[in-house]
Amino acid sequence: KACENLSRAFKHIQDVCLSEIPGTFYFHFHFAGKLLKITLLKNWFLLDINADPKVQVYSRNPGEYGKKNVLICYVSGFHPPDITIELLKNGQEIPHSHQTDLAFEQGWQFHLTKHADFTPQAGEEYSCRVRHMSNTKTYTWEADM
């Protein structure tokens, strides 16, 4: 049966509907005329997908010493979504950086972008440190100057 009425099991809930499309469960709860929808992936943690992140470190504009710019670290193609991204200046985290929400692609691979305003100076090193699962790697920005 695609949808079963389970309201007898939950007296305070007007109606509960459970439906399944292969790989996904959908729950629909009706509370006092309001609808709450919940989607659950079947066997989410049993997915046998491990993909290392692909990392690109670049700046919004060509690098020029003393000129304001934006340092960007784009991380894609990874799974599971256990990841930490840090933007660094000479090995220290750059304050006030911003990160996008976690988003996914086909095959349950994820992507994120982190960016921060910066003004490159001669002799300074800018990089992106990515920890995925238990592996940590650092990727250096190439200024092309």
Foldseek 3Di string as FASTA:
>chain_A
DQWDWPCVVPVQWPTWIWGDDVQKIWIWTHHPNDIDIDIDGPCPVVDPDADAKDKDWEWPDQADAQDKTKIKIKIWFGPDPPKDKFKDKQRHGDPPKDKDDWDADPPRIIIIMIMDMDHDHPPIWIWMWMQDDNDIDIGTYDRVD
